[in-house]
Amino acid sequence: MSSVVENPGPQIPAQVQRQHPGLEHPMQPRPQFFSTAYKPAECLLTLVTIASKLDGRVALITGGDSGIGRSIACLYALEGADVAIVYKGQIEEEDKEETLQVIHKLTNGKAKVIACPADIGFDDQCKCVVDSVVRKFGRIDILVNNAAEQFYKESIVEITPEQLERTFRSNIFSQFFLTRHCLRHMKKGSCIINTTSIVAYRGEAGLLDYCSTKGAIVSFTRGLALQLVKRGIRVNGVAPGPIWTPLIPASFPADKVEKGKWGENVPMKRPGQPFEVATSYVFLASQDASYITGQVLHPNGGAIVNA
């Protein structure tokens, strides 16, 4: 949990996972999901206590067991939110347990957090997740549509109908399904944050179906923001650049993960860490972003995109 950005750079060995969307505990080096430089908002100014940014709010985070989702869950809990993380089930059990333990430790056991197993590419499972969260916490104030998976294929002819459907189900169908069910429980002041990607703006030859879903998420975010603004619900997105998460070794051939072959095609010349992205989600969920809707933030190491 160092406050220094330990760029994995030269320490990244060739590695690959067969599990999609990927697991965090086998990765070398491990992603940095938290920095001790992060200071939650609560503080004491003379006789006035300033509340944490997300005090008393309920957040539902998909893909919350690892990567960027784990980091978001940790920061939200530190900022006073009750947190529900969604993970894919038994295969991700170890990552989920580690995330719950980390949140417990960071908050000295004060955080209220639950974990919901589901394949969110299917509407009925999304409804079950939302119903479980509402039974536990009574409402949902923040929805973070973060879960995604990708499959590296060098040619469109290699993308099977089954892969195409799976990618769209995981990445964009899930956002439609969860949003639809969450909105029944969201009130004025609630917000939705969707994870898109830098590849939605500049493409990626080996991730054609993934790029397509991420472009769809940008349009979904903008259209939904216009639809919900009259209800006082903000909708925004985050488009990370190359971030060291389980998605990387689970997607790319081992030799492409090594130093010099992945994550250095941005001006900062390094991949980012999850904690360097998660602060964007804290900002967008808080009242600091009260005049922002239909927008996308770009924590991507300095890459210029046509936003």
C-alpha atoms as a PDB file:
ATOM      1  CA  MET A   1       0.000   0.000   0.000  1.00  0.00           C
ATOM      2  CA  SER A   2       2.826   2.352  -0.816  1.00  0.00           C
ATOM      3  CA  SER A   3       2.145   6.032  -1.498  1.00  0.00           C
ATOM      4  CA  VAL A   4       4.761   5.897  -4.247  1.00  0.00           C
ATOM      5  CA  VAL A   5       3.685   4.817  -7.706  1.00  0.00           C
ATOM      6  CA  GLU A   6       5.630   1.615  -8.175  1.00  0.00           C
ATOM      7  CA  ASN A   7       5.517   1.459 -11.951  1.00  0.00           C
ATOM      8  CA  PRO A   8       5.607  -2.268 -12.776  1.00  0.00           C
ATOM      9  CA  GLY A   9       7.774  -1.461 -15.834  1.00  0.00           C
ATOM     10  CA  PRO A  10      10.902  -3.627 -15.821  1.00  0.00           C
ATOM     11  CA  GLN A  11       9.470  -5.981 -13.200  1.00  0.00           C
ATOM     12  CA  ILE A  12       6.672  -7.255 -15.470  1.00  0.00           C
ATOM     13  CA  PRO A  13       7.509 -10.805 -16.512  1.00  0.00           C
ATOM     14  CA  ALA A  14       5.765 -12.515 -19.406  1.00  0.00           C
ATOM     15  CA  GLN A  15       2.526 -13.924 -17.981  1.00  0.00           C
ATOM     16  CA  VAL A  16      -0.848 -15.082 -19.147  1.00  0.00           C
ATOM     17  CA  GLN A  17      -4.079 -16.268 -17.537  1.00  0.00           C
ATOM     18  CA  ARG A  18      -6.684 -18.579 -19.001  1.00  0.00           C
ATOM     19  CA  GLN A  19      -9.486 -17.193 -16.848  1.00  0.00           C
ATOM     20  CA  HIS A  20     -11.625 -14.342 -18.142  1.00  0.00           C
ATOM     21  CA  PRO A  21     -11.932 -11.570 -17.133  1.00  0.00           C
ATOM     22  CA  GLY A  22      -8.881 -12.400 -14.982  1.00  0.00           C
ATOM     23  CA  LEU A  23      -7.744 -12.839 -11.388  1.00  0.00           C
ATOM     24  CA  GLU A  24      -5.659 -10.473  -9.300  1.00  0.00           C
ATOM     25  CA  HIS A  25      -3.956 -12.756  -6.784  1.00  0.00           C
ATOM     26  CA  PRO A  26      -1.719 -14.599  -9.333  1.00  0.00           C
ATOM     27  CA  MET A  27      -0.424 -11.387 -10.947  1.00  0.00           C
ATOM     28  CA  GLN A  28       3.249 -10.389 -10.715  1.00  0.00           C
ATOM     29  CA  PRO A  29       3.698  -7.696  -9.638  1.00  0.00           C
ATOM     30  CA  ARG A  30       0.416  -7.158  -7.830  1.00  0.00           C
ATOM     31  CA  PRO A  31      -1.587  -4.071  -8.905  1.00  0.00           C
ATOM     32  CA  GLN A  32      -1.588  -1.115  -6.518  1.00  0.00           C
ATOM     33  CA  PHE A  33      -5.204  -0.564  -5.484  1.00  0.00           C
ATOM     34  CA  PHE A  34      -4.503   1.944  -2.713  1.00  0.00           C
ATOM     35  CA  SER A  35      -2.068   4.717  -1.901  1.00  0.00           C
ATOM     36  CA  THR A  36      -1.357   6.015   1.591  1.00  0.00           C
ATOM     37  CA  ALA A  37      -1.190   9.460  -0.008  1.00  0.00           C
ATOM     38  CA  TYR A  38      -4.994   9.330  -0.355  1.00  0.00           C
ATOM     39  CA  LYS A  39      -6.706  11.263   2.433  1.00  0.00           C
ATOM     40  CA  PRO A  40     -10.460  10.786   2.966  1.00  0.00           C
ATOM     41  CA  ALA A  41     -12.465  14.001   3.238  1.00  0.00           C
ATOM     42  CA  GLU A  42     -13.473  13.761   6.909  1.00  0.00           C
ATOM     43  CA  CYS A  43     -11.572  16.215   9.064  1.00  0.00           C
ATOM     44  CA  LEU A  44     -12.065  18.558  12.012  1.00  0.00           C
ATOM     45  CA  LEU A  45     -11.939  22.297  11.447  1.00  0.00           C
ATOM     46  CA  THR A  46     -12.162  24.052  14.843  1.00  0.00           C
ATOM     47  CA  LEU A  47     -15.668  23.057  15.980  1.00  0.00           C
ATOM     48  CA  VAL A  48     -16.982  21.945  12.592  1.00  0.00           C
ATOM     49  CA  THR A  49     -16.672  18.373  11.349  1.00  0.00           C
ATOM     50  CA  ILE A  50     -16.539  18.039   7.561  1.00  0.00           C
ATOM     51  CA  ALA A  51     -18.296  14.841   6.508  1.00  0.00           C
ATOM     52  CA  SER A  52     -16.703  12.334   4.169  1.00  0.00           C
ATOM     53  CA  LYS A  53     -17.519  12.836   0.500  1.00  0.00           C
ATOM     54  CA  LEU A  54     -19.899   9.860   0.278  1.00  0.00           C
ATOM     55  CA  ASP A  55     -21.202   9.726   3.832  1.00  0.00           C
ATOM     56  CA  GLY A  56     -24.357   7.626   4.157  1.00  0.00           C
ATOM     57  CA  ARG A  57     -24.587   6.739   0.480  1.00  0.00           C
ATOM     58  CA  VAL A  58     -25.011   3.255  -0.991  1.00  0.00           C
ATOM     59  CA  ALA A  59     -22.793   2.240  -3.916  1.00  0.00           C
ATOM     60  CA  LEU A  60     -23.086  -0.782  -6.201  1.00  0.00           C
ATOM     61  CA  ILE A  61     -19.823  -1.563  -8.040  1.00  0.00           C
ATOM     62  CA  THR A  62     -19.514  -4.275 -10.692  1.00  0.00           C
ATOM     63  CA  GLY A  63     -16.148  -5.965 -11.053  1.00  0.00           C
ATOM     64  CA  GLY A  64     -15.462  -4.794  -7.510  1.00  0.00           C
ATOM     65  CA  ASP A  65     -13.364  -7.783  -6.512  1.00  0.00           C
ATOM     66  CA  SER A  66     -10.189  -6.746  -8.353  1.00  0.00           C
ATOM     67  CA  GLY A  67      -8.428  -4.136 -10.461  1.00  0.00           C
ATOM     68  CA  ILE A  68     -10.005  -0.700 -10.765  1.00  0.00           C
ATOM     69  CA  GLY A  69     -13.218  -1.951  -9.154  1.00  0.00           C
ATOM     70  CA  ARG A  70     -11.376  -3.018  -5.998  1.00  0.00           C
ATOM     71  CA  SER A  71      -9.728   0.372  -5.740  1.00  0.00           C
ATOM     72  CA  ILE A  72     -13.066   2.162  -6.197  1.00  0.00           C
ATOM     73  CA  ALA A  73     -14.645   0.006  -3.486  1.00  0.00           C
ATOM     74  CA  CYS A  74     -11.824   0.821  -1.052  1.00  0.00           C
ATOM     75  CA  LEU A  75     -12.005   4.573  -1.630  1.00  0.00           C
ATOM     76  CA  TYR A  76     -15.805   4.643  -1.487  1.00  0.00           C
ATOM     77  CA  ALA A  77     -15.755   2.798   1.842  1.00  0.00           C
ATOM     78  CA  LEU A  78     -13.156   5.224   3.192  1.00  0.00           C
ATOM     79  CA  GLU A  79     -15.389   8.106   2.099  1.00  0.00           C
ATOM     80  CA  GLY A  80     -18.282   6.760   4.167  1.00  0.00           C
ATOM     81  CA  ALA A  81     -20.327   4.811   1.614  1.00  0.00           C
ATOM     82  CA  ASP A  82     -21.973   1.451   2.158  1.00  0.00           C
ATOM     83  CA  VAL A  83     -20.595  -0.732  -0.623  1.00  0.00           C
ATOM     84  CA  ALA A  84     -21.864  -3.712  -2.602  1.00  0.00           C
ATOM     85  CA  ILE A  85     -19.371  -5.349  -4.948  1.00  0.00           C
ATOM     86  CA  VAL A  86     -20.390  -7.694  -7.743  1.00  0.00           C
ATOM     87  CA  TYR A  87     -18.070 -10.513  -8.767  1.00  0.00           C
ATOM     88  CA  LYS A  88     -18.401 -13.446 -11.123  1.00  0.00           C
ATOM     89  CA  GLY A  89     -18.770 -16.229  -8.579  1.00  0.00           C
ATOM     90  CA  GLN A  90     -16.667 -19.139  -7.386  1.00  0.00           C
ATOM     91  CA  ILE A  91     -13.720 -18.613  -9.727  1.00  0.00           C
ATOM     92  CA  GLU A  92     -13.206 -15.099  -8.272  1.00  0.00           C
ATOM     93  CA  GLU A  93     -13.835 -16.095  -4.658  1.00  0.00           C
ATOM     94  CA  GLU A  94     -10.240 -15.538  -3.520  1.00  0.00           C
ATOM     95  CA  ASP A  95     -10.071 -12.034  -5.024  1.00  0.00           C
ATOM     96  CA  LYS A  96     -13.454 -11.186  -3.486  1.00  0.00           C
ATOM     97  CA  GLU A  97     -12.395 -12.334  -0.009  1.00  0.00           C
ATOM     98  CA  GLU A  98      -9.168 -10.369  -0.228  1.00  0.00           C
ATOM     99  CA  THR A  99     -11.092  -7.225  -1.212  1.00  0.00           C
ATOM    100  CA  LEU A 100     -13.470  -7.580   1.735  1.00  0.00           C
ATOM    101  CA  GLN A 101     -10.537  -8.051   4.101  1.00  0.00           C
ATOM    102  CA  VAL A 102      -8.729  -5.002   2.719  1.00  0.00           C
ATOM    103  CA  ILE A 103     -11.814  -2.795   3.098  1.00  0.00           C
ATOM    104  CA  HIS A 104     -12.298  -4.062   6.654  1.00  0.00           C
ATOM    105  CA  LYS A 105      -8.682  -3.228   7.483  1.00  0.00           C
ATOM    106  CA  LEU A 106      -8.678   0.212   5.829  1.00  0.00           C
ATOM    107  CA  THR A 107     -11.850   1.290   7.651  1.00  0.00           C
ATOM    108  CA  ASN A 108     -11.056  -0.368  10.993  1.00  0.00           C
ATOM    109  CA  GLY A 109     -14.080  -2.589  10.535  1.00  0.00           C
ATOM    110  CA  LYS A 110     -16.485   0.326  10.220  1.00  0.00           C
ATOM    111  CA  ALA A 111     -17.474  -0.098   6.570  1.00  0.00           C
ATOM    112  CA  LYS A 112     -20.653  -1.928   5.635  1.00  0.00           C
ATOM    113  CA  VAL A 113     -19.843  -4.026   2.596  1.00  0.00           C
ATOM    114  CA  ILE A 114     -21.442  -7.015   0.875  1.00  0.00           C
ATOM    115  CA  ALA A 115     -20.458  -9.126  -2.132  1.00  0.00           C
ATOM    116  CA  CYS A 116     -22.919 -10.410  -4.723  1.00  0.00           C
ATOM    117  CA  PRO A 117     -21.969 -13.232  -7.141  1.00  0.00           C
ATOM    118  CA  ALA A 118     -23.544 -12.920 -10.601  1.00  0.00           C
ATOM    119  CA  ASP A 119     -23.053 -13.166 -14.342  1.00  0.00           C
ATOM    120  CA  ILE A 120     -24.303  -9.674 -15.085  1.00  0.00           C
ATOM    121  CA  GLY A 121     -24.574 -10.337 -18.802  1.00  0.00           C
ATOM    122  CA  PHE A 122     -28.048 -11.654 -18.032  1.00  0.00           C
ATOM    123  CA  ASP A 123     -30.998  -9.511 -16.988  1.00  0.00           C
ATOM    124  CA  ASP A 124     -32.404 -11.885 -14.356  1.00  0.00           C
ATOM    125  CA  GLN A 125     -29.092 -12.023 -12.512  1.00  0.00           C
ATOM    126  CA  CYS A 126     -28.795  -8.229 -12.585  1.00  0.00           C
ATOM    127  CA  LYS A 127     -32.247  -7.977 -11.016  1.00  0.00           C
ATOM    128  CA  CYS A 128     -31.208 -10.432  -8.295  1.00  0.00           C
ATOM    129  CA  VAL A 129     -28.133  -8.329  -7.511  1.00  0.00           C
ATOM    130  CA  VAL A 130     -30.122  -5.115  -7.250  1.00  0.00           C
ATOM    131  CA  ASP A 131     -32.790  -6.774  -5.112  1.00  0.00           C
ATOM    132  CA  SER A 132     -30.093  -8.108  -2.750  1.00  0.00           C
ATOM    133  CA  VAL A 133     -28.500  -4.679  -2.346  1.00  0.00           C
ATOM    134  CA  VAL A 134     -31.844  -2.995  -1.682  1.00  0.00           C
ATOM    135  CA  ARG A 135     -32.794  -5.656   0.878  1.00  0.00           C
ATOM    136  CA  LYS A 136     -29.532  -5.015   2.710  1.00  0.00           C
ATOM    137  CA  PHE A 137     -29.199  -1.232   2.434  1.00  0.00           C
ATOM    138  CA  GLY A 138     -32.678   0.013   1.474  1.00  0.00           C
ATOM    139  CA  ARG A 139     -31.674   1.933  -1.646  1.00  0.00           C
ATOM    140  CA  ILE A 140     -28.943   2.566  -4.224  1.00  0.00           C
ATOM    141  CA  ASP A 141     -27.382   6.019  -4.650  1.00  0.00           C
ATOM    142  CA  ILE A 142     -24.360   5.249  -6.832  1.00  0.00           C
ATOM    143  CA  LEU A 143     -24.094   2.683  -9.615  1.00  0.00           C
ATOM    144  CA  VAL A 144     -20.619   2.019 -11.014  1.00  0.00           C
ATOM    145  CA  ASN A 145     -20.842  -0.074 -14.197  1.00  0.00           C
ATOM    146  CA  ASN A 146     -17.234  -1.214 -14.241  1.00  0.00           C
ATOM    147  CA  ALA A 147     -17.040  -4.933 -15.068  1.00  0.00           C
ATOM    148  CA  ALA A 148     -15.735  -5.937 -18.492  1.00  0.00           C
ATOM    149  CA  GLU A 149     -13.811  -8.593 -20.370  1.00  0.00           C
ATOM    150  CA  GLN A 150     -11.844  -8.713 -23.588  1.00  0.00           C
ATOM    151  CA  PHE A 151     -10.330 -11.298 -25.925  1.00  0.00           C
ATOM    152  CA  TYR A 152      -7.276 -10.607 -28.069  1.00  0.00           C
ATOM    153  CA  LYS A 153      -7.813 -11.572 -31.717  1.00  0.00           C
ATOM    154  CA  GLU A 154      -5.642 -10.276 -34.541  1.00  0.00           C
ATOM    155  CA  SER A 155      -8.358 -10.554 -37.207  1.00  0.00           C
ATOM    156  CA  ILE A 156     -12.112 -10.065 -37.326  1.00  0.00           C
ATOM    157  CA  VAL A 157     -12.401 -13.519 -38.908  1.00  0.00           C
ATOM    158  CA  GLU A 158     -11.219 -15.028 -35.606  1.00  0.00           C
ATOM    159  CA  ILE A 159     -14.078 -13.466 -33.633  1.00  0.00           C
ATOM    160  CA  THR A 160     -16.786 -16.078 -33.305  1.00  0.00           C
ATOM    161  CA  PRO A 161     -20.467 -15.224 -32.796  1.00  0.00           C
ATOM    162  CA  GLU A 162     -20.158 -16.728 -29.299  1.00  0.00           C
ATOM    163  CA  GLN A 163     -17.234 -14.468 -28.375  1.00  0.00           C
ATOM    164  CA  LEU A 164     -18.978 -11.424 -29.823  1.00  0.00           C
ATOM    165  CA  GLU A 165     -22.113 -12.082 -27.803  1.00  0.00           C
ATOM    166  CA  ARG A 166     -20.155 -12.759 -24.615  1.00  0.00           C
ATOM    167  CA  THR A 167     -18.169  -9.532 -24.935  1.00  0.00           C
ATOM    168  CA  PHE A 168     -21.271  -7.449 -25.564  1.00  0.00           C
ATOM    169  CA  ARG A 169     -23.197  -9.158 -22.761  1.00  0.00           C
ATOM    170  CA  SER A 170     -20.449  -8.571 -20.212  1.00  0.00           C
ATOM    171  CA  ASN A 171     -19.511  -5.047 -21.253  1.00  0.00           C
ATOM    172  CA  ILE A 172     -22.623  -3.220 -22.444  1.00  0.00           C
ATOM    173  CA  PHE A 173     -25.725  -5.404 -21.966  1.00  0.00           C
ATOM    174  CA  SER A 174     -24.881  -5.521 -18.257  1.00  0.00           C
ATOM    175  CA  GLN A 175     -24.878  -1.727 -18.059  1.00  0.00           C
ATOM    176  CA  PHE A 176     -28.334  -1.542 -19.616  1.00  0.00           C
ATOM    177  CA  PHE A 177     -29.699  -4.284 -17.366  1.00  0.00           C
ATOM    178  CA  LEU A 178     -28.271  -2.972 -14.087  1.00  0.00           C
ATOM    179  CA  THR A 179     -29.176   0.631 -14.809  1.00  0.00           C
ATOM    180  CA  ARG A 180     -32.749  -0.334 -15.621  1.00  0.00           C
ATOM    181  CA  HIS A 181     -33.197  -2.171 -12.322  1.00  0.00           C
ATOM    182  CA  CYS A 182     -31.266   0.325 -10.186  1.00  0.00           C
ATOM    183  CA  LEU A 183     -33.302   3.289 -11.415  1.00  0.00           C
ATOM    184  CA  ARG A 184     -36.360   1.972  -9.567  1.00  0.00           C
ATOM    185  CA  HIS A 185     -34.469   2.675  -6.339  1.00  0.00           C
ATOM    186  CA  MET A 186     -32.530   5.837  -7.233  1.00  0.00           C
ATOM    187  CA  LYS A 187     -33.660   9.323  -6.299  1.00  0.00           C
ATOM    188  CA  LYS A 188     -32.640  12.873  -7.098  1.00  0.00           C
ATOM    189  CA  GLY A 189     -28.961  13.296  -6.303  1.00  0.00           C
ATOM    190  CA  SER A 190     -28.033   9.756  -7.318  1.00  0.00           C
ATOM    191  CA  CYS A 191     -25.439   9.093  -9.999  1.00  0.00           C
ATOM    192  CA  ILE A 192     -24.267   6.486 -12.488  1.00  0.00           C
ATOM    193  CA  ILE A 193     -20.632   6.091 -13.579  1.00  0.00           C
ATOM    194  CA  ASN A 194     -19.755   3.889 -16.554  1.00  0.00           C
ATOM    195  CA  THR A 195     -16.285   2.564 -17.316  1.00  0.00           C
ATOM    196  CA  THR A 196     -15.364   2.943 -20.974  1.00  0.00           C
ATOM    197  CA  SER A 197     -11.763   2.973 -22.284  1.00  0.00           C
ATOM    198  CA  ILE A 198      -9.167   4.891 -24.255  1.00  0.00           C
ATOM    199  CA  VAL A 199      -9.701   2.345 -27.047  1.00  0.00           C
ATOM    200  CA  ALA A 200     -13.203   3.736 -27.612  1.00  0.00           C
ATOM    201  CA  TYR A 201     -11.472   6.837 -28.979  1.00  0.00           C
ATOM    202  CA  ARG A 202      -8.350   5.573 -30.718  1.00  0.00           C
ATOM    203  CA  GLY A 203      -9.121   1.899 -31.401  1.00  0.00           C
ATOM    204  CA  GLU A 204      -7.086  -1.241 -30.834  1.00  0.00           C
ATOM    205  CA  ALA A 205      -6.491  -3.670 -33.698  1.00  0.00           C
ATOM    206  CA  GLY A 206      -6.466  -6.808 -31.567  1.00  0.00           C
ATOM    207  CA  LEU A 207      -9.528  -5.896 -29.489  1.00  0.00           C
ATOM    208  CA  LEU A 208     -12.127  -5.110 -32.135  1.00  0.00           C
ATOM    209  CA  ASP A 209     -15.222  -6.361 -30.305  1.00  0.00           C
ATOM    210  CA  TYR A 210     -14.021  -4.841 -27.019  1.00  0.00           C
ATOM    211  CA  CYS A 211     -13.449  -1.471 -28.745  1.00  0.00           C
ATOM    212  CA  SER A 212     -16.968  -1.662 -30.119  1.00  0.00           C
ATOM    213  CA  THR A 213     -18.496  -2.181 -26.680  1.00  0.00           C
ATOM    214  CA  LYS A 214     -16.475   0.664 -25.194  1.00  0.00           C
ATOM    215  CA  GLY A 215     -17.612   3.017 -27.950  1.00  0.00           C
ATOM    216  CA  ALA A 216     -21.175   1.945 -27.230  1.00  0.00           C
ATOM    217  CA  ILE A 217     -20.652   2.808 -23.556  1.00  0.00           C
ATOM    218  CA  VAL A 218     -19.651   6.371 -24.457  1.00  0.00           C
ATOM    219  CA  SER A 219     -22.873   6.812 -26.434  1.00  0.00           C
ATOM    220  CA  PHE A 220     -24.890   5.075 -23.717  1.00  0.00           C
ATOM    221  CA  THR A 221     -23.454   7.466 -21.133  1.00  0.00           C
ATOM    222  CA  ARG A 222     -24.255  10.578 -23.140  1.00  0.00           C
ATOM    223  CA  GLY A 223     -27.765   9.482 -24.084  1.00  0.00           C
ATOM    224  CA  LEU A 224     -28.640   8.292 -20.585  1.00  0.00           C
ATOM    225  CA  ALA A 225     -27.376  11.555 -19.085  1.00  0.00           C
ATOM    226  CA  LEU A 226     -29.829  13.490 -21.256  1.00  0.00           C
ATOM    227  CA  GLN A 227     -32.632  11.107 -20.341  1.00  0.00           C
ATOM    228  CA  LEU A 228     -32.074  11.301 -16.578  1.00  0.00           C
ATOM    229  CA  VAL A 229     -31.127  14.945 -16.111  1.00  0.00           C
ATOM    230  CA  LYS A 230     -34.763  15.864 -15.464  1.00  0.00           C
ATOM    231  CA  ARG A 231     -34.778  13.382 -12.595  1.00  0.00           C
ATOM    232  CA  GLY A 232     -31.717  14.979 -11.029  1.00  0.00           C
ATOM    233  CA  ILE A 233     -29.565  11.885 -11.665  1.00  0.00           C
ATOM    234  CA  ARG A 234     -26.109  12.492 -13.124  1.00  0.00           C
ATOM    235  CA  VAL A 235     -24.472  10.043 -15.568  1.00  0.00           C
ATOM    236  CA  ASN A 236     -20.776  10.177 -16.434  1.00  0.00           C
ATOM    237  CA  GLY A 237     -17.980   7.921 -17.609  1.00  0.00           C
ATOM    238  CA  VAL A 238     -14.307   7.189 -17.065  1.00  0.00           C
ATOM    239  CA  ALA A 239     -12.030   6.118 -19.930  1.00  0.00           C
ATOM    240  CA  PRO A 240      -8.839   4.648 -18.457  1.00  0.00           C
ATOM    241  CA  GLY A 241      -5.699   4.238 -20.493  1.00  0.00           C
ATOM    242  CA  PRO A 242      -3.385   1.240 -19.980  1.00  0.00           C
ATOM    243  CA  ILE A 243      -3.875   0.170 -16.351  1.00  0.00           C
ATOM    244  CA  TRP A 244      -2.219  -2.833 -14.681  1.00  0.00           C
ATOM    245  CA  THR A 245      -5.252  -4.990 -13.844  1.00  0.00           C
ATOM    246  CA  PRO A 246      -6.183  -8.685 -14.223  1.00  0.00           C
ATOM    247  CA  LEU A 247      -7.741  -7.877 -17.586  1.00  0.00           C
ATOM    248  CA  ILE A 248      -4.249  -7.543 -19.099  1.00  0.00           C
ATOM    249  CA  PRO A 249      -2.670 -10.975 -18.449  1.00  0.00           C
ATOM    250  CA  ALA A 250      -6.082 -12.561 -19.056  1.00  0.00           C
ATOM    251  CA  SER A 251      -6.333 -10.966 -22.507  1.00  0.00           C
ATOM    252  CA  PHE A 252      -2.973 -10.594 -24.185  1.00  0.00           C
ATOM    253  CA  PRO A 253      -0.385 -13.191 -25.226  1.00  0.00           C
ATOM    254  CA  ALA A 254       2.322 -13.515 -22.569  1.00  0.00           C
ATOM    255  CA  ASP A 255       5.049 -11.903 -24.677  1.00  0.00           C
ATOM    256  CA  LYS A 256       2.947  -8.762 -25.249  1.00  0.00           C
ATOM    257  CA  VAL A 257       2.616  -8.149 -21.485  1.00  0.00           C
ATOM    258  CA  GLU A 258       6.345  -7.751 -20.954  1.00  0.00           C
ATOM    259  CA  LYS A 259       8.104  -4.432 -20.381  1.00  0.00           C
ATOM    260  CA  GLY A 260       8.274  -2.422 -23.598  1.00  0.00           C
ATOM    261  CA  LYS A 261       5.361  -4.225 -25.226  1.00  0.00           C
ATOM    262  CA  TRP A 262       2.393  -2.994 -23.225  1.00  0.00           C
ATOM    263  CA  GLY A 263       1.489   0.238 -21.456  1.00  0.00           C
ATOM    264  CA  GLU A 264       4.254   2.458 -22.791  1.00  0.00           C
ATOM    265  CA  ASN A 265       2.423   3.968 -25.766  1.00  0.00           C
ATOM    266  CA  VAL A 266       1.277   7.008 -23.749  1.00  0.00           C
ATOM    267  CA  PRO A 267       3.276  10.178 -22.994  1.00  0.00           C
ATOM    268  CA  MET A 268       4.041   9.064 -19.404  1.00  0.00           C
ATOM    269  CA  LYS A 269       5.665   5.930 -20.867  1.00  0.00           C
ATOM    270  CA  ARG A 270       4.218   3.580 -18.259  1.00  0.00           C
ATOM    271  CA  PRO A 271       1.033   1.745 -17.378  1.00  0.00           C
ATOM    272  CA  GLY A 272      -1.090   3.258 -14.649  1.00  0.00           C
ATOM    273  CA  GLN A 273      -2.142   1.679 -11.370  1.00  0.00           C
ATOM    274  CA  PRO A 274      -5.776   1.168 -10.267  1.00  0.00           C
ATOM    275  CA  PHE A 275      -5.526   3.745  -7.463  1.00  0.00           C
ATOM    276  CA  GLU A 276      -4.538   6.386 -10.029  1.00  0.00           C
ATOM    277  CA  VAL A 277      -7.902   5.873 -11.740  1.00  0.00           C
ATOM    278  CA  ALA A 278     -10.242   5.290  -8.791  1.00  0.00           C
ATOM    279  CA  THR A 279     -10.054   8.908  -7.612  1.00  0.00           C
ATOM    280  CA  SER A 280     -11.941   9.901 -10.783  1.00  0.00           C
ATOM    281  CA  TYR A 281     -14.866   7.783  -9.572  1.00  0.00           C
ATOM    282  CA  VAL A 282     -14.781   9.413  -6.131  1.00  0.00           C
ATOM    283  CA  PHE A 283     -14.949  12.841  -7.733  1.00  0.00           C
ATOM    284  CA  LEU A 284     -17.805  11.952 -10.089  1.00  0.00           C
ATOM    285  CA  ALA A 285     -19.831  10.344  -7.282  1.00  0.00           C
ATOM    286  CA  SER A 286     -19.428  13.302  -4.932  1.00  0.00           C
ATOM    287  CA  GLN A 287     -21.077  16.697  -4.831  1.00  0.00           C
ATOM    288  CA  ASP A 288     -17.817  18.135  -6.141  1.00  0.00           C
ATOM    289  CA  ALA A 289     -19.139  17.028  -9.552  1.00  0.00           C
ATOM    290  CA  SER A 290     -22.658  18.431  -9.078  1.00  0.00           C
ATOM    291  CA  TYR A 291     -22.539  20.377 -12.379  1.00  0.00           C
ATOM    292  CA  ILE A 292     -21.105  17.532 -14.446  1.00  0.00           C
ATOM    293  CA  THR A 293     -23.193  15.064 -16.435  1.00  0.00           C
ATOM    294  CA  GLY A 294     -22.804  13.351 -19.797  1.00  0.00           C
ATOM    295  CA  GLN A 295     -19.015  13.676 -19.623  1.00  0.00           C
ATOM    296  CA  VAL A 296     -16.050  11.290 -19.669  1.00  0.00           C
ATOM    297  CA  LEU A 297     -12.840  11.662 -17.641  1.00  0.00           C
ATOM    298  CA  HIS A 298      -9.575  10.435 -19.169  1.00  0.00           C
ATOM    299  CA  PRO A 299      -6.955   9.131 -16.695  1.00  0.00           C
ATOM    300  CA  ASN A 300      -4.673   7.782 -19.400  1.00  0.00           C
ATOM    301  CA  GLY A 301      -1.086   8.914 -18.861  1.00  0.00           C
ATOM    302  CA  GLY A 302      -1.355  11.985 -21.095  1.00  0.00           C
ATOM    303  CA  ALA A 303      -2.797  10.559 -24.297  1.00  0.00           C
ATOM    304  CA  ILE A 304      -4.798  13.097 -26.306  1.00  0.00           C
ATOM    305  CA  VAL A 305      -8.133  11.743 -27.480  1.00  0.00           C
ATOM    306  CA  ASN A 306     -10.988  13.276 -29.416  1.00  0.00           C
ATOM    307  CA  ALA A 307     -13.468  13.352 -26.558  1.00  0.00           C
END
